[in-house]
Amino acid sequence: MASRDNRRWKNITFINSLEFALSGIVTAFKEERNLRTHLLSTVAVIFAGLIFRISKFDWLFILLSVFLVIAAELINSAIENVVDLASDYHFHLLAKKSKDMAAGAVLVLSGFAVIVGLFVFLPKIFELLMKLF
């Protein structure tokens, strides 16, 4: 049976799970510059989607991209923290590889998000430019 000290870290109820998850998101927002950058990009993309009145289908791809990038950034940050804890902040090649791979995952998903954005917004931008000129 778990000791009393270990139980306080367990998700005893759904509310506890939700509190821990929200605490993690708030911590990442406060401490991770890249997450704040992704959230700023999210606001810009949502604003653009509203301005261009994109379709429901396009919204699905935009929102999928946004949530995937943010989730990847949260996972990347968690991996970096665990690696730093395990390596006691001393350089280790495996620690570097782990952190680089996690960052690479964010980069891949960010690339996907850019491609989705180009597919959704470039036709709208070209249409607007054609009307102006």
N, C-alpha and C. Protein backbone atom coordinates (compact mmCIF):
# COMPACT_ATOMS: atom_id res chain seq x y z
N MET A 1 0.84 -1.18 0.00
CA MET A 1 0.00 0.00 0.00
C MET A 1 0.89 1.25 0.00
N ALA A 2 0.44 2.28 -0.72
CA ALA A 2 1.22 3.51 -0.83
C ALA A 2 1.22 4.26 0.50
N SER A 3 2.33 4.89 0.77
CA SER A 3 2.41 5.70 1.99
C SER A 3 1.57 6.96 1.82
N ARG A 4 1.32 7.63 2.92
CA ARG A 4 0.53 8.86 2.86
C ARG A 4 1.19 9.91 1.98
N ASP A 5 2.53 10.00 1.99
CA ASP A 5 3.23 11.00 1.19
C ASP A 5 3.03 10.75 -0.30
N ASN A 6 3.01 9.49 -0.71
CA ASN A 6 2.83 9.18 -2.13
C ASN A 6 1.41 9.44 -2.60
N ARG A 7 0.43 9.29 -1.74
CA ARG A 7 -0.96 9.45 -2.14
C ARG A 7 -1.28 10.89 -2.52
N ARG A 8 -0.59 11.84 -1.98
CA ARG A 8 -0.92 13.22 -2.32
C ARG A 8 -0.58 13.55 -3.77
N TRP A 9 0.24 12.74 -4.41
CA TRP A 9 0.59 12.94 -5.81
C TRP A 9 -0.31 12.14 -6.74
N LYS A 10 -1.15 11.30 -6.19
CA LYS A 10 -2.05 10.48 -6.99
C LYS A 10 -3.30 11.28 -7.35
N ASN A 11 -3.87 10.95 -8.48
CA ASN A 11 -5.12 11.55 -8.91
C ASN A 11 -6.26 10.75 -8.29
N ILE A 12 -6.66 11.14 -7.11
CA ILE A 12 -7.68 10.39 -6.38
C ILE A 12 -9.05 10.57 -7.02
N THR A 13 -9.35 11.77 -7.46
CA THR A 13 -10.65 12.03 -8.08
C THR A 13 -10.43 12.69 -9.44
N PHE A 14 -11.50 12.77 -10.19
CA PHE A 14 -11.45 13.46 -11.48
C PHE A 14 -11.03 14.91 -11.29
N ILE A 15 -11.55 15.54 -10.26
CA ILE A 15 -11.21 16.95 -9.98
C ILE A 15 -9.72 17.08 -9.71
N ASN A 16 -9.13 16.14 -8.94
CA ASN A 16 -7.68 16.17 -8.71
C ASN A 16 -6.92 16.08 -10.03
N SER A 17 -7.34 15.18 -10.89
CA SER A 17 -6.69 15.02 -12.19
C SER A 17 -6.77 16.31 -12.99
N LEU A 18 -7.92 16.91 -12.98
CA LEU A 18 -8.12 18.16 -13.71
C LEU A 18 -7.25 19.28 -13.13
N GLU A 19 -7.19 19.37 -11.82
CA GLU A 19 -6.37 20.39 -11.16
C GLU A 19 -4.89 20.22 -11.52
N PHE A 20 -4.40 18.98 -11.48
CA PHE A 20 -2.99 18.73 -11.83
C PHE A 20 -2.73 19.08 -13.28
N ALA A 21 -3.63 18.71 -14.18
CA ALA A 21 -3.45 19.00 -15.60
C ALA A 21 -3.45 20.51 -15.85
N LEU A 22 -4.40 21.22 -15.26
CA LEU A 22 -4.45 22.67 -15.44
C LEU A 22 -3.24 23.35 -14.83
N SER A 23 -2.76 22.83 -13.71
CA SER A 23 -1.56 23.36 -13.09
C SER A 23 -0.36 23.20 -14.03
N GLY A 24 -0.30 22.07 -14.70
CA GLY A 24 0.78 21.83 -15.66
C GLY A 24 0.73 22.79 -16.82
N ILE A 25 -0.46 23.07 -17.32
CA ILE A 25 -0.61 24.01 -18.44
C ILE A 25 -0.22 25.42 -18.01
N VAL A 26 -0.67 25.83 -16.83
CA VAL A 26 -0.34 27.17 -16.32
C VAL A 26 1.17 27.29 -16.10
N THR A 27 1.78 26.26 -15.52
CA THR A 27 3.23 26.27 -15.30
C THR A 27 3.97 26.39 -16.61
N ALA A 28 3.56 25.61 -17.60
CA ALA A 28 4.22 25.67 -18.91
C ALA A 28 4.05 27.05 -19.53
N PHE A 29 2.86 27.63 -19.41
CA PHE A 29 2.63 28.97 -19.96
C PHE A 29 3.56 29.99 -19.31
N LYS A 30 3.73 29.89 -18.01
CA LYS A 30 4.58 30.83 -17.28
C LYS A 30 6.06 30.64 -17.58
N GLU A 31 6.48 29.39 -17.77
CA GLU A 31 7.91 29.09 -17.84
C GLU A 31 8.45 28.82 -19.24
N GLU A 32 7.59 28.53 -20.19
CA GLU A 32 8.06 28.12 -21.51
C GLU A 32 7.75 29.18 -22.56
N ARG A 33 8.80 29.85 -23.01
CA ARG A 33 8.67 30.91 -24.02
C ARG A 33 8.04 30.37 -25.31
N ASN A 34 8.46 29.18 -25.74
CA ASN A 34 7.93 28.63 -26.99
C ASN A 34 6.43 28.37 -26.91
N LEU A 35 5.93 27.95 -25.76
CA LEU A 35 4.50 27.74 -25.62
C LEU A 35 3.76 29.06 -25.76
N ARG A 36 4.29 30.10 -25.16
CA ARG A 36 3.66 31.42 -25.30
C ARG A 36 3.66 31.86 -26.77
N THR A 37 4.73 31.57 -27.48
CA THR A 37 4.80 31.91 -28.91
C THR A 37 3.74 31.14 -29.69
N HIS A 38 3.59 29.85 -29.38
CA HIS A 38 2.58 29.04 -30.06
C HIS A 38 1.18 29.57 -29.76
N LEU A 39 0.94 29.97 -28.53
CA LEU A 39 -0.38 30.49 -28.18
C LEU A 39 -0.66 31.83 -28.86
N LEU A 40 0.36 32.65 -29.02
CA LEU A 40 0.20 33.91 -29.75
C LEU A 40 -0.12 33.63 -31.22
N SER A 41 0.56 32.65 -31.79
CA SER A 41 0.26 32.24 -33.17
C SER A 41 -1.16 31.71 -33.28
N THR A 42 -1.60 30.98 -32.27
CA THR A 42 -2.96 30.45 -32.25
C THR A 42 -3.98 31.57 -32.30
N VAL A 43 -3.76 32.60 -31.50
CA VAL A 43 -4.68 33.74 -31.49
C VAL A 43 -4.72 34.39 -32.88
N ALA A 44 -3.55 34.55 -33.50
CA ALA A 44 -3.49 35.16 -34.83
C ALA A 44 -4.23 34.31 -35.87
N VAL A 45 -4.04 32.99 -35.80
CA VAL A 45 -4.69 32.09 -36.76
C VAL A 45 -6.21 32.08 -36.55
N ILE A 46 -6.65 32.07 -35.32
CA ILE A 46 -8.09 32.10 -35.05
C ILE A 46 -8.69 33.42 -35.55
N PHE A 47 -7.99 34.50 -35.32
CA PHE A 47 -8.44 35.80 -35.81
C PHE A 47 -8.54 35.79 -37.33
N ALA A 48 -7.52 35.25 -37.99
CA ALA A 48 -7.53 35.16 -39.46
C ALA A 48 -8.68 34.28 -39.94
N GLY A 49 -8.92 33.18 -39.24
CA GLY A 49 -10.02 32.30 -39.61
C GLY A 49 -11.37 33.01 -39.52
N LEU A 50 -11.52 33.83 -38.51
CA LEU A 50 -12.76 34.60 -38.36
C LEU A 50 -12.89 35.66 -39.45
N ILE A 51 -11.79 36.34 -39.74
CA ILE A 51 -11.79 37.39 -40.78
C ILE A 51 -12.13 36.80 -42.15
N PHE A 52 -11.47 35.68 -42.47
CA PHE A 52 -11.67 35.06 -43.79
C PHE A 52 -12.89 34.14 -43.84
N ARG A 53 -13.56 33.95 -42.71
CA ARG A 53 -14.76 33.11 -42.64
C ARG A 53 -14.51 31.74 -43.26
N ILE A 54 -13.52 31.06 -42.72
CA ILE A 54 -13.18 29.75 -43.27
C ILE A 54 -14.29 28.73 -42.96
N SER A 55 -14.31 27.66 -43.71
CA SER A 55 -15.37 26.66 -43.58
C SER A 55 -15.18 25.83 -42.31
N LYS A 56 -16.23 25.10 -41.95
CA LYS A 56 -16.15 24.20 -40.79
C LYS A 56 -15.06 23.15 -41.00
N PHE A 57 -14.95 22.66 -42.22
CA PHE A 57 -13.93 21.68 -42.55
C PHE A 57 -12.53 22.26 -42.33
N ASP A 58 -12.31 23.50 -42.79
CA ASP A 58 -11.02 24.17 -42.58
C ASP A 58 -10.75 24.40 -41.09
N TRP A 59 -11.80 24.76 -40.33
CA TRP A 59 -11.64 24.95 -38.88
C TRP A 59 -11.15 23.68 -38.22
N LEU A 60 -11.66 22.53 -38.68
CA LEU A 60 -11.22 21.26 -38.09
C LEU A 60 -9.72 21.06 -38.27
N PHE A 61 -9.22 21.33 -39.46
CA PHE A 61 -7.78 21.17 -39.70
C PHE A 61 -6.97 22.21 -38.93
N ILE A 62 -7.46 23.42 -38.90
CA ILE A 62 -6.75 24.47 -38.15
C ILE A 62 -6.69 24.12 -36.67
N LEU A 63 -7.82 23.74 -36.10
CA LEU A 63 -7.86 23.41 -34.67
C LEU A 63 -7.04 22.14 -34.37
N LEU A 64 -7.09 21.15 -35.26
CA LEU A 64 -6.26 19.97 -35.08
C LEU A 64 -4.79 20.36 -35.04
N SER A 65 -4.37 21.19 -35.96
CA SER A 65 -2.98 21.64 -36.00
C SER A 65 -2.59 22.39 -34.73
N VAL A 66 -3.44 23.30 -34.31
CA VAL A 66 -3.17 24.10 -33.12
C VAL A 66 -3.02 23.21 -31.89
N PHE A 67 -3.98 22.32 -31.69
CA PHE A 67 -3.95 21.47 -30.50
C PHE A 67 -2.77 20.48 -30.54
N LEU A 68 -2.43 19.98 -31.71
CA LEU A 68 -1.28 19.07 -31.82
C LEU A 68 0.02 19.79 -31.46
N VAL A 69 0.20 20.99 -31.96
CA VAL A 69 1.44 21.74 -31.67
C VAL A 69 1.52 22.08 -30.19
N ILE A 70 0.42 22.53 -29.61
CA ILE A 70 0.44 22.88 -28.18
C ILE A 70 0.68 21.64 -27.33
N ALA A 71 0.03 20.54 -27.66
CA ALA A 71 0.24 19.29 -26.91
C ALA A 71 1.69 18.83 -27.05
N ALA A 72 2.23 18.92 -28.25
CA ALA A 72 3.63 18.52 -28.46
C ALA A 72 4.58 19.40 -27.65
N GLU A 73 4.28 20.68 -27.58
CA GLU A 73 5.12 21.59 -26.80
C GLU A 73 5.05 21.26 -25.31
N LEU A 74 3.87 20.91 -24.83
CA LEU A 74 3.74 20.51 -23.42
C LEU A 74 4.53 19.22 -23.15
N ILE A 75 4.42 18.25 -24.06
CA ILE A 75 5.17 17.00 -23.90
C ILE A 75 6.67 17.26 -23.98
N ASN A 76 7.08 18.10 -24.92
CA ASN A 76 8.50 18.46 -25.04
C ASN A 76 9.02 19.09 -23.75
N SER A 77 8.25 19.99 -23.19
CA SER A 77 8.67 20.65 -21.95
C SER A 77 8.77 19.64 -20.81
N ALA A 78 7.82 18.72 -20.74
CA ALA A 78 7.86 17.69 -19.70
C ALA A 78 9.10 16.81 -19.86
N ILE A 79 9.39 16.42 -21.09
CA ILE A 79 10.58 15.59 -21.34
C ILE A 79 11.85 16.35 -20.95
N GLU A 80 11.92 17.62 -21.33
CA GLU A 80 13.10 18.42 -20.97
C GLU A 80 13.28 18.49 -19.46
N ASN A 81 12.19 18.69 -18.72
CA ASN A 81 12.29 18.76 -17.27
C ASN A 81 12.74 17.44 -16.65
N VAL A 82 12.20 16.34 -17.15
CA VAL A 82 12.58 15.03 -16.62
C VAL A 82 14.04 14.72 -16.95
N VAL A 83 14.46 15.04 -18.16
CA VAL A 83 15.85 14.80 -18.55
C VAL A 83 16.78 15.65 -17.69
N ASP A 84 16.42 16.92 -17.48
CA ASP A 84 17.26 17.78 -16.62
C ASP A 84 17.34 17.22 -15.21
N LEU A 85 16.22 16.74 -14.70
CA LEU A 85 16.21 16.16 -13.36
C LEU A 85 17.09 14.91 -13.30
N ALA A 86 16.95 14.05 -14.29
CA ALA A 86 17.71 12.79 -14.29
C ALA A 86 19.19 13.00 -14.52
N SER A 87 19.53 14.02 -15.30
CA SER A 87 20.95 14.24 -15.60
C SER A 87 21.59 15.23 -14.63
N ASP A 88 20.79 15.70 -13.69
CA ASP A 88 21.28 16.63 -12.65
C ASP A 88 21.99 17.83 -13.28
N TYR A 89 21.47 18.28 -14.43
CA TYR A 89 21.96 19.45 -15.15
C TYR A 89 23.41 19.32 -15.62
N HIS A 90 23.93 18.11 -15.67
CA HIS A 90 25.26 17.87 -16.24
C HIS A 90 25.08 17.40 -17.67
N PHE A 91 25.98 17.81 -18.54
CA PHE A 91 25.86 17.41 -19.94
C PHE A 91 26.02 15.90 -20.07
N HIS A 92 25.11 15.32 -20.82
CA HIS A 92 25.20 13.91 -21.16
C HIS A 92 24.66 13.78 -22.59
N LEU A 93 25.35 13.05 -23.44
CA LEU A 93 24.95 12.94 -24.83
C LEU A 93 23.54 12.37 -24.98
N LEU A 94 23.17 11.38 -24.17
CA LEU A 94 21.81 10.83 -24.25
C LEU A 94 20.76 11.86 -23.83
N ALA A 95 21.09 12.68 -22.85
CA ALA A 95 20.16 13.73 -22.44
C ALA A 95 19.96 14.72 -23.60
N LYS A 96 21.04 15.09 -24.25
CA LYS A 96 20.94 16.00 -25.40
C LYS A 96 20.11 15.39 -26.51
N LYS A 97 20.36 14.12 -26.81
CA LYS A 97 19.59 13.45 -27.87
C LYS A 97 18.10 13.42 -27.54
N SER A 98 17.76 13.10 -26.31
CA SER A 98 16.36 13.05 -25.90
C SER A 98 15.69 14.40 -26.06
N LYS A 99 16.36 15.45 -25.60
CA LYS A 99 15.79 16.78 -25.69
C LYS A 99 15.67 17.24 -27.15
N ASP A 100 16.69 16.91 -27.95
CA ASP A 100 16.65 17.28 -29.37
C ASP A 100 15.54 16.56 -30.11
N MET A 101 15.33 15.29 -29.79
CA MET A 101 14.27 14.53 -30.45
C MET A 101 12.89 15.07 -30.08
N ALA A 102 12.70 15.41 -28.82
CA ALA A 102 11.42 15.98 -28.38
C ALA A 102 11.17 17.32 -29.08
N ALA A 103 12.21 18.12 -29.19
CA ALA A 103 12.08 19.40 -29.90
C ALA A 103 11.81 19.16 -31.38
N GLY A 104 12.41 18.11 -31.93
CA GLY A 104 12.16 17.76 -33.32
C GLY A 104 10.71 17.39 -33.57
N ALA A 105 10.09 16.72 -32.61
CA ALA A 105 8.67 16.37 -32.74
C ALA A 105 7.82 17.63 -32.83
N VAL A 106 8.15 18.63 -32.02
CA VAL A 106 7.41 19.90 -32.07
C VAL A 106 7.63 20.56 -33.43
N LEU A 107 8.85 20.50 -33.93
CA LEU A 107 9.16 21.10 -35.23
C LEU A 107 8.37 20.42 -36.36
N VAL A 108 8.29 19.09 -36.33
CA VAL A 108 7.53 18.36 -37.35
C VAL A 108 6.06 18.76 -37.32
N LEU A 109 5.48 18.80 -36.13
CA LEU A 109 4.06 19.19 -36.03
C LEU A 109 3.85 20.65 -36.39
N SER A 110 4.81 21.49 -36.07
CA SER A 110 4.72 22.90 -36.47
C SER A 110 4.76 23.03 -37.99
N GLY A 111 5.59 22.21 -38.62
CA GLY A 111 5.63 22.19 -40.09
C GLY A 111 4.28 21.77 -40.67
N PHE A 112 3.66 20.76 -40.07
CA PHE A 112 2.32 20.34 -40.48
C PHE A 112 1.34 21.50 -40.34
N ALA A 113 1.43 22.22 -39.23
CA ALA A 113 0.52 23.35 -38.98
C ALA A 113 0.72 24.44 -40.04
N VAL A 114 1.96 24.70 -40.42
CA VAL A 114 2.23 25.70 -41.45
C VAL A 114 1.63 25.26 -42.79
N ILE A 115 1.80 23.98 -43.13
CA ILE A 115 1.24 23.47 -44.39
C ILE A 115 -0.28 23.59 -44.38
N VAL A 116 -0.91 23.24 -43.27
CA VAL A 116 -2.37 23.38 -43.16
C VAL A 116 -2.76 24.84 -43.34
N GLY A 117 -2.03 25.73 -42.67
CA GLY A 117 -2.32 27.16 -42.79
C GLY A 117 -2.20 27.65 -44.22
N LEU A 118 -1.19 27.17 -44.93
CA LEU A 118 -1.03 27.57 -46.34
C LEU A 118 -2.19 27.06 -47.19
N PHE A 119 -2.60 25.82 -46.98
CA PHE A 119 -3.73 25.27 -47.73
C PHE A 119 -5.02 26.04 -47.45
N VAL A 120 -5.21 26.43 -46.21
CA VAL A 120 -6.46 27.09 -45.83
C VAL A 120 -6.45 28.57 -46.22
N PHE A 121 -5.34 29.26 -45.95
CA PHE A 121 -5.35 30.72 -46.07
C PHE A 121 -4.83 31.26 -47.40
N LEU A 122 -3.92 30.57 -48.08
CA LEU A 122 -3.40 31.12 -49.34
C LEU A 122 -4.49 31.37 -50.38
N PRO A 123 -5.42 30.44 -50.59
CA PRO A 123 -6.49 30.75 -51.56
C PRO A 123 -7.32 31.97 -51.14
N LYS A 124 -7.54 32.11 -49.84
CA LYS A 124 -8.32 33.27 -49.36
C LYS A 124 -7.54 34.57 -49.58
N ILE A 125 -6.24 34.53 -49.35
CA ILE A 125 -5.41 35.72 -49.54
C ILE A 125 -5.34 36.08 -51.02
N PHE A 126 -5.14 35.07 -51.89
CA PHE A 126 -5.10 35.33 -53.33
C PHE A 126 -6.43 35.91 -53.82
N GLU A 127 -7.53 35.37 -53.31
CA GLU A 127 -8.86 35.87 -53.67
C GLU A 127 -9.02 37.33 -53.27
N LEU A 128 -8.56 37.67 -52.08
CA LEU A 128 -8.63 39.05 -51.60
C LEU A 128 -7.75 39.96 -52.46
N LEU A 129 -6.54 39.52 -52.79
CA LEU A 129 -5.66 40.32 -53.62
C LEU A 129 -6.23 40.55 -55.02
N MET A 130 -6.89 39.53 -55.55
CA MET A 130 -7.49 39.66 -56.88
C MET A 130 -8.60 40.71 -56.87
N LYS A 131 -9.33 40.80 -55.79
CA LYS A 131 -10.39 41.79 -55.66
C LYS A 131 -9.81 43.20 -55.54
N LEU A 132 -8.66 43.30 -54.86
CA LEU A 132 -8.04 44.62 -54.65
C LEU A 132 -7.35 45.15 -55.90
N PHE A 133 -6.82 44.25 -56.72
CA PHE A 133 -6.04 44.69 -57.89
C PHE A 133 -6.72 44.33 -59.14
